[in-house]
Every structure is written in structure tokens, then in C-alpha cells.
């Protein structure tokens, strides 16, 4: 069972409507009763990336992916700030688990409480693993 898991959803984009939808959905998931129901100690932080908070984000952005590849912070910032459909980076601890187009990542979050495999995976693999499994199924 995953315990003491801290995940951060870094997100950004140039579409204000998408940013608003993602903010609302991510915060709803972060406060979801299921995450409070189990003794998983999962915390999900939601951090909007803008051109004026790059230093704050850079300090929290992991330096490597889960597979060991180094993170190109310039590429991540370019995608987070300029992508019309939004861009999301999911990190856990000191690694990036997943980075993808915002619409696809938003769809995963929107289906959080509608998919039984989310709940099943959550207690075994934690939020990060459960999110990645749901993302692969899309």
C-alpha cells in the first residue's frame, strides 16, 4: 500500500477556459472523500504555472523522470506556459511520473470518481500509480 505520498500537478497553458476547468477539477479531486477515507496519507498539490512564478515552480520541479531521464526545464516551461490546450506535469516525490497534453490529463481527472479501477488502484499504487494507469487506458 502506498503511504505518505505527495504529488504535485503542475499545469499551465494559454487558454483561460481550460485553466479554469483544470483548476476546479484538480482541486475537487485533491479534496475527494476517497482520498480522505483510506489511511493513504496522500496529498495532492495543484500549482498553476505562469510567467511570473517560474522561480517558485523551478524550485519544486523535479530534475528527473521516473525512468531516470533528466528533465529539460526550458522545454517543460515552454509547454506549460504556451500550450493552447494546456499542459500538465504530474510529479511524486523527486521525480516526474507523467507529462502530457492538458485535455487528456483533464479527462483523466474528470473521470476520477467514475472509474472503479481508479479506486482499486488507489489503495495499492497510490495516486500517482493510479493516475498513470488511468492515463494509459485513455
Foldseek 3Di string as FASTA:
>chain_A
DAALKEKEKEKAEDAPVLVVLLVVLQVCLQPDVLVVVDRRNYGYHYHYDEPVCLVVVVVVAAQEAPVGHGDPSVVVNCQRYHHHQMKIWMDIDRHTHDIDGSVLLSVLSVCCPVDVQLSVCCVVPNNSVSSVVSSVVD
